[in-house]
């Protein structure tokens, strides 16, 4: 008899379908997207396994309504919104499973930042020229070398930079985990502020949109696509950013006004930009960012590859199958 499993998520139908298609035959999975309390509570009475994707409050009243619940699986790294005390009292296991896609995008974001701040495209172009204009070439040893032979300027470090994260969710948390020991000041803004303990653990400071734009040396856009975020980062938004700041984006295509960004880079108000998703995909040659990149501006464009080659969602059910077969639970919280 398949085991009743509840899957709650705020993600799009595309992601919901992938998760359902990957479900093992041992489970009967009910998918609830953006559930209200009225939606949620009737399902809990028979639920044995609860998969909560990325975020979603799970507290004592939910546990009381789920007498058959054996295990809560949080897909992602954050569990601040799960009442662990109530779960332990109810004898319910809580575990998590890393979101491989979020990890990959966070890594890509770090690469984008480093590429811009180190002027990767510019310095690679100089190296590939292999030009004699920089002087006579000599074999190097411990005393003979030509450091910065092309005399590049304004190549900086990520250490000491103020990084602002716009659209803070699972990817943002994975990014903060990677940057918290790099000596960066980490700012973030989101609709619902994180608890103090989560901010402290991730090394984050909550600010409003105005402060985020004014203080960030590097602004990381991780906004999802919605009617509220289409072209949110427009000419006015960019004008309010710190002069000389850089924009990194792995957020949804369409959240940035690309012609406005190109103009801001051309005017040198924005010192560089790295993008992985776009309003129109695949990229077309008439995109002004493509034109600027070809002209040698500090722009890094990648073809929507931040999440890697795509990840099988079958592995996300591992801990439930382990529980069914009496095997060890991985990434156990309690």
C-alpha atoms as a PDB file:
ATOM      1  CA  UNK A   1       0.000   0.000   0.000  1.00  0.00           C
ATOM      2  CA  UNK A   2       1.595   3.327  -1.043  1.00  0.00           C
ATOM      3  CA  UNK A   3       2.355   5.688   1.810  1.00  0.00           C
ATOM      4  CA  UNK A   4       0.465   9.034   1.858  1.00  0.00           C
ATOM      5  CA  UNK A   5       2.951  11.827   1.261  1.00  0.00           C
ATOM      6  CA  UNK A   6       2.282  15.556   1.247  1.00  0.00           C
ATOM      7  CA  UNK A   7       4.462  17.803  -0.901  1.00  0.00           C
ATOM      8  CA  UNK A   8       4.152  21.559  -0.232  1.00  0.00           C
ATOM      9  CA  UNK A   9       5.859  24.107  -2.430  1.00  0.00           C
ATOM     10  CA  UNK A  10       5.828  27.687  -3.662  1.00  0.00           C
ATOM     11  CA  UNK A  11       7.584  26.805  -6.910  1.00  0.00           C
ATOM     12  CA  UNK A  12       6.120  26.885 -10.416  1.00  0.00           C
ATOM     13  CA  UNK A  13       4.118  24.108 -12.171  1.00  0.00           C
ATOM     14  CA  UNK A  14       7.240  23.193 -14.165  1.00  0.00           C
ATOM     15  CA  UNK A  15       9.118  22.310 -10.962  1.00  0.00           C
ATOM     16  CA  UNK A  16       6.058  20.654  -9.430  1.00  0.00           C
ATOM     17  CA  UNK A  17       5.736  18.282 -12.381  1.00  0.00           C
ATOM     18  CA  UNK A  18       9.418  17.317 -12.220  1.00  0.00           C
ATOM     19  CA  UNK A  19       9.054  16.488  -8.531  1.00  0.00           C
ATOM     20  CA  UNK A  20       5.919  14.389  -9.061  1.00  0.00           C
ATOM     21  CA  UNK A  21       7.429  12.539 -12.018  1.00  0.00           C
ATOM     22  CA  UNK A  22      10.396  11.574  -9.848  1.00  0.00           C
ATOM     23  CA  UNK A  23       8.321  10.157  -6.973  1.00  0.00           C
ATOM     24  CA  UNK A  24       8.928   6.463  -6.187  1.00  0.00           C
ATOM     25  CA  UNK A  25       6.041   3.988  -6.453  1.00  0.00           C
ATOM     26  CA  UNK A  26       6.123   3.409  -2.684  1.00  0.00           C
ATOM     27  CA  UNK A  27       4.528   6.833  -2.193  1.00  0.00           C
ATOM     28  CA  UNK A  28       1.232   8.466  -3.077  1.00  0.00           C
ATOM     29  CA  UNK A  29       2.175  12.117  -3.396  1.00  0.00           C
ATOM     30  CA  UNK A  30      -0.279  14.987  -3.049  1.00  0.00           C
ATOM     31  CA  UNK A  31       1.122  18.282  -4.323  1.00  0.00           C
ATOM     32  CA  UNK A  32      -0.091  21.505  -2.706  1.00  0.00           C
ATOM     33  CA  UNK A  33       1.245  24.734  -4.194  1.00  0.00           C
ATOM     34  CA  UNK A  34       1.031  27.933  -2.127  1.00  0.00           C
ATOM     35  CA  UNK A  35      -1.304  26.221   0.363  1.00  0.00           C
ATOM     36  CA  UNK A  36      -3.412  28.151   2.844  1.00  0.00           C
ATOM     37  CA  UNK A  37      -4.144  26.702   6.265  1.00  0.00           C
ATOM     38  CA  UNK A  38      -7.571  25.702   5.000  1.00  0.00           C
ATOM     39  CA  UNK A  39      -5.935  23.802   2.132  1.00  0.00           C
ATOM     40  CA  UNK A  40      -3.306  22.193   4.287  1.00  0.00           C
ATOM     41  CA  UNK A  41      -4.962  20.949   7.457  1.00  0.00           C
ATOM     42  CA  UNK A  42      -7.408  18.424   5.911  1.00  0.00           C
ATOM     43  CA  UNK A  43      -4.522  16.598   4.234  1.00  0.00           C
ATOM     44  CA  UNK A  44      -2.484  16.168   7.393  1.00  0.00           C
ATOM     45  CA  UNK A  45      -4.702  13.598   9.104  1.00  0.00           C
ATOM     46  CA  UNK A  46      -3.489  10.769   6.859  1.00  0.00           C
ATOM     47  CA  UNK A  47      -0.041  12.078   5.902  1.00  0.00           C
ATOM     48  CA  UNK A  48       2.938   9.893   6.835  1.00  0.00           C
ATOM     49  CA  UNK A  49       5.650  11.895   5.093  1.00  0.00           C
ATOM     50  CA  UNK A  50       5.733  15.640   4.570  1.00  0.00           C
ATOM     51  CA  UNK A  51       8.047  17.124   1.950  1.00  0.00           C
ATOM     52  CA  UNK A  52       8.384  20.879   2.411  1.00  0.00           C
ATOM     53  CA  UNK A  53      10.227  22.533  -0.458  1.00  0.00           C
ATOM     54  CA  UNK A  54      12.560  25.394   0.540  1.00  0.00           C
ATOM     55  CA  UNK A  55      10.277  27.255   2.993  1.00  0.00           C
ATOM     56  CA  UNK A  56       6.944  26.899   4.740  1.00  0.00           C
ATOM     57  CA  UNK A  57       5.839  27.155   8.367  1.00  0.00           C
ATOM     58  CA  UNK A  58       5.455  23.837  10.159  1.00  0.00           C
ATOM     59  CA  UNK A  59       4.453  24.328  13.787  1.00  0.00           C
ATOM     60  CA  UNK A  60       2.747  22.571  16.697  1.00  0.00           C
ATOM     61  CA  UNK A  61      -0.791  22.887  15.292  1.00  0.00           C
ATOM     62  CA  UNK A  62       0.297  21.174  12.080  1.00  0.00           C
ATOM     63  CA  UNK A  63       1.922  18.366  14.008  1.00  0.00           C
ATOM     64  CA  UNK A  64      -1.165  17.927  16.178  1.00  0.00           C
ATOM     65  CA  UNK A  65      -3.243  17.619  13.005  1.00  0.00           C
ATOM     66  CA  UNK A  66      -0.935  14.902  11.648  1.00  0.00           C
ATOM     67  CA  UNK A  67      -1.102  11.927  14.047  1.00  0.00           C
ATOM     68  CA  UNK A  68       0.407   9.548  11.467  1.00  0.00           C
ATOM     69  CA  UNK A  69       3.303  11.800  10.489  1.00  0.00           C
ATOM     70  CA  UNK A  70       6.666  10.028  10.684  1.00  0.00           C
ATOM     71  CA  UNK A  71       9.110  12.335   8.924  1.00  0.00           C
ATOM     72  CA  UNK A  72       9.400  15.922   7.677  1.00  0.00           C
ATOM     73  CA  UNK A  73      11.767  16.384   4.762  1.00  0.00           C
ATOM     74  CA  UNK A  74      12.864  19.947   4.011  1.00  0.00           C
ATOM     75  CA  UNK A  75      14.172  20.299   0.479  1.00  0.00           C
ATOM     76  CA  UNK A  76      16.849  22.937   0.966  1.00  0.00           C
ATOM     77  CA  UNK A  77      19.205  24.077   3.672  1.00  0.00           C
ATOM     78  CA  UNK A  78      16.986  26.315   5.832  1.00  0.00           C
ATOM     79  CA  UNK A  79      14.745  24.977   8.579  1.00  0.00           C
ATOM     80  CA  UNK A  80      14.223  28.026  10.792  1.00  0.00           C
ATOM     81  CA  UNK A  81      10.464  27.874  10.133  1.00  0.00           C
ATOM     82  CA  UNK A  82      10.040  24.296  11.410  1.00  0.00           C
ATOM     83  CA  UNK A  83       9.206  23.943  15.107  1.00  0.00           C
ATOM     84  CA  UNK A  84      11.859  21.415  16.078  1.00  0.00           C
ATOM     85  CA  UNK A  85      10.774  21.288  19.718  1.00  0.00           C
ATOM     86  CA  UNK A  86       7.218  20.349  18.752  1.00  0.00           C
ATOM     87  CA  UNK A  87       8.476  17.830  16.185  1.00  0.00           C
ATOM     88  CA  UNK A  88      10.729  16.153  18.745  1.00  0.00           C
ATOM     89  CA  UNK A  89       7.887  16.005  21.261  1.00  0.00           C
ATOM     90  CA  UNK A  90       5.688  14.372  18.620  1.00  0.00           C
ATOM     91  CA  UNK A  91       8.389  11.833  17.739  1.00  0.00           C
ATOM     92  CA  UNK A  92       8.663  13.139  14.187  1.00  0.00           C
ATOM     93  CA  UNK A  93      12.022  12.996  12.415  1.00  0.00           C
ATOM     94  CA  UNK A  94      13.127  16.234  10.730  1.00  0.00           C
ATOM     95  CA  UNK A  95      15.758  16.088   8.019  1.00  0.00           C
ATOM     96  CA  UNK A  96      16.818  18.175   5.046  1.00  0.00           C
ATOM     97  CA  UNK A  97      18.132  17.518   1.572  1.00  0.00           C
ATOM     98  CA  UNK A  98      20.406  19.979  -0.240  1.00  0.00           C
ATOM     99  CA  UNK A  99      18.866  21.658  -3.262  1.00  0.00           C
ATOM    100  CA  UNK A 100      21.467  20.793  -5.897  1.00  0.00           C
ATOM    101  CA  UNK A 101      20.202  23.431  -8.297  1.00  0.00           C
ATOM    102  CA  UNK A 102      20.385  26.157  -5.653  1.00  0.00           C
ATOM    103  CA  UNK A 103      23.930  25.136  -4.764  1.00  0.00           C
ATOM    104  CA  UNK A 104      24.964  25.253  -8.424  1.00  0.00           C
ATOM    105  CA  UNK A 105      23.426  28.704  -8.958  1.00  0.00           C
ATOM    106  CA  UNK A 106      25.076  30.030  -5.792  1.00  0.00           C
ATOM    107  CA  UNK A 107      28.440  28.813  -7.054  1.00  0.00           C
ATOM    108  CA  UNK A 108      27.759  30.436 -10.424  1.00  0.00           C
ATOM    109  CA  UNK A 109      26.957  33.716  -8.679  1.00  0.00           C
ATOM    110  CA  UNK A 110      30.309  33.642  -6.888  1.00  0.00           C
ATOM    111  CA  UNK A 111      32.008  33.016 -10.230  1.00  0.00           C
ATOM    112  CA  UNK A 112      30.158  35.971 -11.750  1.00  0.00           C
ATOM    113  CA  UNK A 113      31.266  38.275  -8.940  1.00  0.00           C
ATOM    114  CA  UNK A 114      34.888  37.202  -9.180  1.00  0.00           C
ATOM    115  CA  UNK A 115      34.878  37.487 -12.973  1.00  0.00           C
ATOM    116  CA  UNK A 116      33.658  41.079 -12.779  1.00  0.00           C
ATOM    117  CA  UNK A 117      35.800  42.268  -9.922  1.00  0.00           C
ATOM    118  CA  UNK A 118      38.927  40.648 -11.425  1.00  0.00           C
ATOM    119  CA  UNK A 119      37.986  41.886 -14.944  1.00  0.00           C
ATOM    120  CA  UNK A 120      38.334  38.345 -16.221  1.00  0.00           C
ATOM    121  CA  UNK A 121      37.294  38.948 -19.831  1.00  0.00           C
ATOM    122  CA  UNK A 122      39.573  41.977 -20.171  1.00  0.00           C
ATOM    123  CA  UNK A 123      42.658  40.317 -18.711  1.00  0.00           C
ATOM    124  CA  UNK A 124      42.089  37.110 -20.665  1.00  0.00           C
ATOM    125  CA  UNK A 125      41.913  39.132 -23.878  1.00  0.00           C
ATOM    126  CA  UNK A 126      45.266  40.737 -23.024  1.00  0.00           C
ATOM    127  CA  UNK A 127      46.854  37.364 -22.314  1.00  0.00           C
ATOM    128  CA  UNK A 128      45.548  35.863 -25.550  1.00  0.00           C
ATOM    129  CA  UNK A 129      46.920  38.751 -27.599  1.00  0.00           C
ATOM    130  CA  UNK A 130      50.449  37.602 -26.696  1.00  0.00           C
ATOM    131  CA  UNK A 131      51.510  41.064 -27.856  1.00  0.00           C
ATOM    132  CA  UNK A 132      55.097  42.351 -27.940  1.00  0.00           C
ATOM    133  CA  UNK A 133      53.928  45.853 -27.033  1.00  0.00           C
ATOM    134  CA  UNK A 134      54.450  45.123 -23.341  1.00  0.00           C
ATOM    135  CA  UNK A 135      58.207  44.577 -23.607  1.00  0.00           C
ATOM    136  CA  UNK A 136      60.671  41.777 -24.174  1.00  0.00           C
ATOM    137  CA  UNK A 137      59.573  38.330 -23.054  1.00  0.00           C
ATOM    138  CA  UNK A 138      61.948  36.430 -20.759  1.00  0.00           C
ATOM    139  CA  UNK A 139      61.986  33.066 -19.057  1.00  0.00           C
ATOM    140  CA  UNK A 140      60.723  33.506 -15.503  1.00  0.00           C
ATOM    141  CA  UNK A 141      62.237  32.381 -12.218  1.00  0.00           C
ATOM    142  CA  UNK A 142      61.880  33.452  -8.588  1.00  0.00           C
ATOM    143  CA  UNK A 143      63.415  36.853  -9.360  1.00  0.00           C
ATOM    144  CA  UNK A 144      62.442  37.371 -13.000  1.00  0.00           C
ATOM    145  CA  UNK A 145      58.830  37.899 -13.951  1.00  0.00           C
ATOM    146  CA  UNK A 146      56.557  40.568 -15.418  1.00  0.00           C
ATOM    147  CA  UNK A 147      53.804  41.121 -12.905  1.00  0.00           C
ATOM    148  CA  UNK A 148      50.776  42.833 -14.469  1.00  0.00           C
ATOM    149  CA  UNK A 149      52.733  43.414 -17.668  1.00  0.00           C
ATOM    150  CA  UNK A 150      49.798  45.176 -19.337  1.00  0.00           C
ATOM    151  CA  UNK A 151      49.382  47.540 -16.358  1.00  0.00           C
ATOM    152  CA  UNK A 152      45.681  46.786 -15.798  1.00  0.00           C
ATOM    153  CA  UNK A 153      43.948  49.064 -13.290  1.00  0.00           C
ATOM    154  CA  UNK A 154      41.098  48.597 -10.783  1.00  0.00           C
ATOM    155  CA  UNK A 155      41.432  44.839 -10.327  1.00  0.00           C
ATOM    156  CA  UNK A 156      40.023  44.274  -6.867  1.00  0.00           C
ATOM    157  CA  UNK A 157      39.226  41.611  -4.293  1.00  0.00           C
ATOM    158  CA  UNK A 158      35.888  40.241  -3.196  1.00  0.00           C
ATOM    159  CA  UNK A 159      37.173  40.557   0.357  1.00  0.00           C
ATOM    160  CA  UNK A 160      35.931  43.810   1.859  1.00  0.00           C
ATOM    161  CA  UNK A 161      33.075  44.297  -0.618  1.00  0.00           C
ATOM    162  CA  UNK A 162      29.480  44.924   0.394  1.00  0.00           C
ATOM    163  CA  UNK A 163      27.301  42.355  -1.365  1.00  0.00           C
ATOM    164  CA  UNK A 164      23.554  42.925  -1.489  1.00  0.00           C
ATOM    165  CA  UNK A 165      21.200  40.033  -2.199  1.00  0.00           C
ATOM    166  CA  UNK A 166      17.866  40.915  -3.778  1.00  0.00           C
ATOM    167  CA  UNK A 167      15.267  38.158  -3.739  1.00  0.00           C
ATOM    168  CA  UNK A 168      16.526  36.109  -0.813  1.00  0.00           C
ATOM    169  CA  UNK A 169      15.451  32.479  -0.835  1.00  0.00           C
ATOM    170  CA  UNK A 170      17.164  29.107  -1.069  1.00  0.00           C
ATOM    171  CA  UNK A 171      19.755  30.300  -3.601  1.00  0.00           C
ATOM    172  CA  UNK A 172      20.412  33.369  -1.476  1.00  0.00           C
ATOM    173  CA  UNK A 173      21.001  31.250   1.612  1.00  0.00           C
ATOM    174  CA  UNK A 174      23.454  29.023  -0.269  1.00  0.00           C
ATOM    175  CA  UNK A 175      25.228  32.122  -1.589  1.00  0.00           C
ATOM    176  CA  UNK A 176      25.463  33.615   1.912  1.00  0.00           C
ATOM    177  CA  UNK A 177      26.948  30.347   3.209  1.00  0.00           C
ATOM    178  CA  UNK A 178      29.712  30.644   0.616  1.00  0.00           C
ATOM    179  CA  UNK A 179      30.431  34.326   1.186  1.00  0.00           C
ATOM    180  CA  UNK A 180      30.220  34.588   4.974  1.00  0.00           C
ATOM    181  CA  UNK A 181      33.892  33.650   5.423  1.00  0.00           C
ATOM    182  CA  UNK A 182      35.170  35.754   2.519  1.00  0.00           C
ATOM    183  CA  UNK A 183      35.282  38.977   4.497  1.00  0.00           C
ATOM    184  CA  UNK A 184      32.263  40.492   2.743  1.00  0.00           C
ATOM    185  CA  UNK A 185      29.502  42.566   4.318  1.00  0.00           C
ATOM    186  CA  UNK A 186      26.282  40.759   3.393  1.00  0.00           C
ATOM    187  CA  UNK A 187      23.038  42.701   3.035  1.00  0.00           C
ATOM    188  CA  UNK A 188      19.700  41.269   1.995  1.00  0.00           C
ATOM    189  CA  UNK A 189      16.103  42.217   1.550  1.00  0.00           C
ATOM    190  CA  UNK A 190      13.014  40.038   1.240  1.00  0.00           C
ATOM    191  CA  UNK A 191       9.299  40.318   1.782  1.00  0.00           C
ATOM    192  CA  UNK A 192       9.378  38.412   5.067  1.00  0.00           C
ATOM    193  CA  UNK A 193      12.482  39.047   7.158  1.00  0.00           C
ATOM    194  CA  UNK A 194      14.397  36.030   8.461  1.00  0.00           C
ATOM    195  CA  UNK A 195      14.497  35.357  12.207  1.00  0.00           C
ATOM    196  CA  UNK A 196      17.457  36.826  14.100  1.00  0.00           C
ATOM    197  CA  UNK A 197      19.060  33.400  14.548  1.00  0.00           C
ATOM    198  CA  UNK A 198      19.032  32.759  10.786  1.00  0.00           C
ATOM    199  CA  UNK A 199      20.517  36.187  10.046  1.00  0.00           C
ATOM    200  CA  UNK A 200      23.237  35.627  12.623  1.00  0.00           C
ATOM    201  CA  UNK A 201      24.093  32.157  11.328  1.00  0.00           C
ATOM    202  CA  UNK A 202      24.376  33.361   7.732  1.00  0.00           C
ATOM    203  CA  UNK A 203      26.114  36.632   8.595  1.00  0.00           C
ATOM    204  CA  UNK A 204      23.330  38.764   7.097  1.00  0.00           C
ATOM    205  CA  UNK A 205      22.048  42.271   7.757  1.00  0.00           C
ATOM    206  CA  UNK A 206      18.491  43.088   6.736  1.00  0.00           C
ATOM    207  CA  UNK A 207      17.956  46.395   4.899  1.00  0.00           C
ATOM    208  CA  UNK A 208      15.272  47.989   2.767  1.00  0.00           C
ATOM    209  CA  UNK A 209      15.493  48.343  -1.021  1.00  0.00           C
ATOM    210  CA  UNK A 210      16.772  51.917  -0.829  1.00  0.00           C
ATOM    211  CA  UNK A 211      19.658  50.994   1.458  1.00  0.00           C
ATOM    212  CA  UNK A 212      20.439  47.867  -0.541  1.00  0.00           C
ATOM    213  CA  UNK A 213      20.915  49.904  -3.707  1.00  0.00           C
ATOM    214  CA  UNK A 214      22.820  52.717  -2.017  1.00  0.00           C
ATOM    215  CA  UNK A 215      25.323  50.559  -0.121  1.00  0.00           C
ATOM    216  CA  UNK A 216      25.981  47.490  -2.278  1.00  0.00           C
ATOM    217  CA  UNK A 217      29.261  47.311  -4.171  1.00  0.00           C
ATOM    218  CA  UNK A 218      27.883  44.192  -5.845  1.00  0.00           C
ATOM    219  CA  UNK A 219      24.135  43.677  -6.159  1.00  0.00           C
ATOM    220  CA  UNK A 220      23.036  40.083  -6.717  1.00  0.00           C
ATOM    221  CA  UNK A 221      19.622  39.735  -8.327  1.00  0.00           C
ATOM    222  CA  UNK A 222      17.885  36.463  -7.477  1.00  0.00           C
ATOM    223  CA  UNK A 223      14.316  37.639  -7.993  1.00  0.00           C
ATOM    224  CA  UNK A 224      11.746  35.158  -9.281  1.00  0.00           C
ATOM    225  CA  UNK A 225       9.504  36.009 -12.211  1.00  0.00           C
ATOM    226  CA  UNK A 226       6.164  37.584 -11.324  1.00  0.00           C
ATOM    227  CA  UNK A 227       3.929  40.460 -12.356  1.00  0.00           C
ATOM    228  CA  UNK A 228       5.566  42.481  -9.571  1.00  0.00           C
ATOM    229  CA  UNK A 229       9.157  41.841 -10.665  1.00  0.00           C
ATOM    230  CA  UNK A 230       8.982  42.339 -14.450  1.00  0.00           C
ATOM    231  CA  UNK A 231      11.570  45.026 -15.274  1.00  0.00           C
ATOM    232  CA  UNK A 232      11.800  45.915 -11.588  1.00  0.00           C
ATOM    233  CA  UNK A 233      15.479  46.697 -12.080  1.00  0.00           C
ATOM    234  CA  UNK A 234      14.912  49.561 -14.492  1.00  0.00           C
ATOM    235  CA  UNK A 235      16.631  52.874 -15.221  1.00  0.00           C
ATOM    236  CA  UNK A 236      15.448  54.460 -11.970  1.00  0.00           C
ATOM    237  CA  UNK A 237      16.536  51.459  -9.929  1.00  0.00           C
ATOM    238  CA  UNK A 238      19.963  51.431 -11.561  1.00  0.00           C
ATOM    239  CA  UNK A 239      20.374  55.189 -11.091  1.00  0.00           C
ATOM    240  CA  UNK A 240      19.818  54.708  -7.351  1.00  0.00           C
ATOM    241  CA  UNK A 241      22.669  52.187  -7.122  1.00  0.00           C
ATOM    242  CA  UNK A 242      26.069  53.237  -5.871  1.00  0.00           C
ATOM    243  CA  UNK A 243      28.214  54.715  -8.633  1.00  0.00           C
ATOM    244  CA  UNK A 244      30.725  52.112  -9.757  1.00  0.00           C
ATOM    245  CA  UNK A 245      28.701  49.191  -8.387  1.00  0.00           C
ATOM    246  CA  UNK A 246      28.341  45.921 -10.256  1.00  0.00           C
ATOM    247  CA  UNK A 247      25.222  43.886 -10.987  1.00  0.00           C
ATOM    248  CA  UNK A 248      25.167  40.102 -10.928  1.00  0.00           C
ATOM    249  CA  UNK A 249      22.002  38.261 -11.931  1.00  0.00           C
ATOM    250  CA  UNK A 250      20.892  34.657 -11.751  1.00  0.00           C
ATOM    251  CA  UNK A 251      17.309  35.744 -11.172  1.00  0.00           C
ATOM    252  CA  UNK A 252      14.547  35.110 -13.636  1.00  0.00           C
ATOM    253  CA  UNK A 253      14.728  36.601 -17.100  1.00  0.00           C
ATOM    254  CA  UNK A 254      12.613  39.721 -17.459  1.00  0.00           C
ATOM    255  CA  UNK A 255      13.352  41.129 -14.007  1.00  0.00           C
ATOM    256  CA  UNK A 256      15.982  43.473 -15.494  1.00  0.00           C
ATOM    257  CA  UNK A 257      15.399  46.174 -18.102  1.00  0.00           C
ATOM    258  CA  UNK A 258      18.318  45.123 -20.296  1.00  0.00           C
ATOM    259  CA  UNK A 259      18.514  48.272 -22.486  1.00  0.00           C
ATOM    260  CA  UNK A 260      18.525  50.401 -19.314  1.00  0.00           C
ATOM    261  CA  UNK A 261      21.316  48.267 -17.864  1.00  0.00           C
ATOM    262  CA  UNK A 262      23.332  48.583 -21.067  1.00  0.00           C
ATOM    263  CA  UNK A 263      22.967  52.352 -20.985  1.00  0.00           C
ATOM    264  CA  UNK A 264      23.994  52.461 -17.334  1.00  0.00           C
ATOM    265  CA  UNK A 265      27.138  50.483 -18.160  1.00  0.00           C
ATOM    266  CA  UNK A 266      27.874  52.607 -21.219  1.00  0.00           C
ATOM    267  CA  UNK A 267      27.640  55.759 -19.068  1.00  0.00           C
ATOM    268  CA  UNK A 268      29.963  54.070 -16.521  1.00  0.00           C
ATOM    269  CA  UNK A 269      27.535  54.484 -13.644  1.00  0.00           C
ATOM    270  CA  UNK A 270      27.486  50.680 -13.380  1.00  0.00           C
ATOM    271  CA  UNK A 271      30.999  49.231 -13.588  1.00  0.00           C
ATOM    272  CA  UNK A 272      30.041  45.787 -14.833  1.00  0.00           C
ATOM    273  CA  UNK A 273      27.316  43.181 -15.101  1.00  0.00           C
ATOM    274  CA  UNK A 274      27.062  39.404 -15.256  1.00  0.00           C
ATOM    275  CA  UNK A 275      23.870  37.761 -16.484  1.00  0.00           C
ATOM    276  CA  UNK A 276      22.683  34.182 -16.895  1.00  0.00           C
ATOM    277  CA  UNK A 277      19.020  34.619 -17.847  1.00  0.00           C
ATOM    278  CA  UNK A 278      17.333  37.089 -20.136  1.00  0.00           C
ATOM    279  CA  UNK A 279      14.014  38.579 -21.206  1.00  0.00           C
ATOM    280  CA  UNK A 280      14.315  36.776 -24.559  1.00  0.00           C
ATOM    281  CA  UNK A 281      16.127  33.443 -24.787  1.00  0.00           C
ATOM    282  CA  UNK A 282      18.237  32.304 -26.535  1.00  0.00           C
ATOM    283  CA  UNK A 283      20.039  35.641 -26.727  1.00  0.00           C
ATOM    284  CA  UNK A 284      19.746  37.586 -29.970  1.00  0.00           C
ATOM    285  CA  UNK A 285      22.464  39.677 -31.588  1.00  0.00           C
ATOM    286  CA  UNK A 286      20.410  42.856 -31.186  1.00  0.00           C
ATOM    287  CA  UNK A 287      20.526  42.617 -27.377  1.00  0.00           C
ATOM    288  CA  UNK A 288      22.468  45.754 -26.299  1.00  0.00           C
ATOM    289  CA  UNK A 289      24.345  43.768 -23.662  1.00  0.00           C
ATOM    290  CA  UNK A 290      25.711  41.474 -26.388  1.00  0.00           C
ATOM    291  CA  UNK A 291      26.869  44.527 -28.322  1.00  0.00           C
ATOM    292  CA  UNK A 292      28.607  46.019 -25.280  1.00  0.00           C
ATOM    293  CA  UNK A 293      30.253  42.712 -24.377  1.00  0.00           C
ATOM    294  CA  UNK A 294      31.624  42.405 -27.921  1.00  0.00           C
ATOM    295  CA  UNK A 295      33.004  45.927 -27.569  1.00  0.00           C
ATOM    296  CA  UNK A 296      34.995  44.825 -24.516  1.00  0.00           C
ATOM    297  CA  UNK A 297      32.851  46.143 -21.656  1.00  0.00           C
ATOM    298  CA  UNK A 298      33.094  44.427 -18.272  1.00  0.00           C
ATOM    299  CA  UNK A 299      30.159  42.152 -19.020  1.00  0.00           C
ATOM    300  CA  UNK A 300      29.925  38.380 -18.568  1.00  0.00           C
ATOM    301  CA  UNK A 301      27.020  36.666 -20.330  1.00  0.00           C
ATOM    302  CA  UNK A 302      26.334  32.961 -19.861  1.00  0.00           C
ATOM    303  CA  UNK A 303      23.638  30.974 -21.713  1.00  0.00           C
ATOM    304  CA  UNK A 304      21.328  30.140 -18.776  1.00  0.00           C
ATOM    305  CA  UNK A 305      23.653  27.456 -17.434  1.00  0.00           C
ATOM    306  CA  UNK A 306      23.971  28.514 -13.783  1.00  0.00           C
ATOM    307  CA  UNK A 307      22.082  25.463 -12.518  1.00  0.00           C
ATOM    308  CA  UNK A 308      24.379  23.102 -14.393  1.00  0.00           C
ATOM    309  CA  UNK A 309      23.193  20.230 -16.531  1.00  0.00           C
ATOM    310  CA  UNK A 310      19.940  19.710 -14.688  1.00  0.00           C
ATOM    311  CA  UNK A 311      19.433  17.478 -11.685  1.00  0.00           C
ATOM    312  CA  UNK A 312      17.362  14.367 -11.243  1.00  0.00           C
ATOM    313  CA  UNK A 313      14.786  14.889  -8.526  1.00  0.00           C
ATOM    314  CA  UNK A 314      14.628  11.175  -7.744  1.00  0.00           C
ATOM    315  CA  UNK A 315      17.429  11.583  -5.199  1.00  0.00           C
ATOM    316  CA  UNK A 316      15.308  13.991  -3.168  1.00  0.00           C
ATOM    317  CA  UNK A 317      13.172  11.059  -1.965  1.00  0.00           C
ATOM    318  CA  UNK A 318      16.199   9.197  -0.583  1.00  0.00           C
ATOM    319  CA  UNK A 319      15.515   9.816   3.100  1.00  0.00           C
ATOM    320  CA  UNK A 320      11.898   8.723   2.873  1.00  0.00           C
ATOM    321  CA  UNK A 321      12.959   5.469   1.208  1.00  0.00           C
ATOM    322  CA  UNK A 322      15.665   5.051   3.836  1.00  0.00           C
ATOM    323  CA  UNK A 323      13.051   5.427   6.565  1.00  0.00           C
ATOM    324  CA  UNK A 324      10.757   2.901   4.898  1.00  0.00           C
ATOM    325  CA  UNK A 325      13.598   0.378   4.645  1.00  0.00           C
ATOM    326  CA  UNK A 326      15.077   0.994   8.104  1.00  0.00           C
ATOM    327  CA  UNK A 327      18.235   2.675   6.800  1.00  0.00           C
ATOM    328  CA  UNK A 328      20.087   5.694   8.200  1.00  0.00           C
ATOM    329  CA  UNK A 329      18.610   9.142   7.639  1.00  0.00           C
ATOM    330  CA  UNK A 330      20.981  11.566   5.902  1.00  0.00           C
ATOM    331  CA  UNK A 331      21.190  15.283   6.803  1.00  0.00           C
ATOM    332  CA  UNK A 332      19.137  14.631   9.921  1.00  0.00           C
ATOM    333  CA  UNK A 333      18.219  17.686  11.992  1.00  0.00           C
ATOM    334  CA  UNK A 334      16.465  15.890  14.871  1.00  0.00           C
END
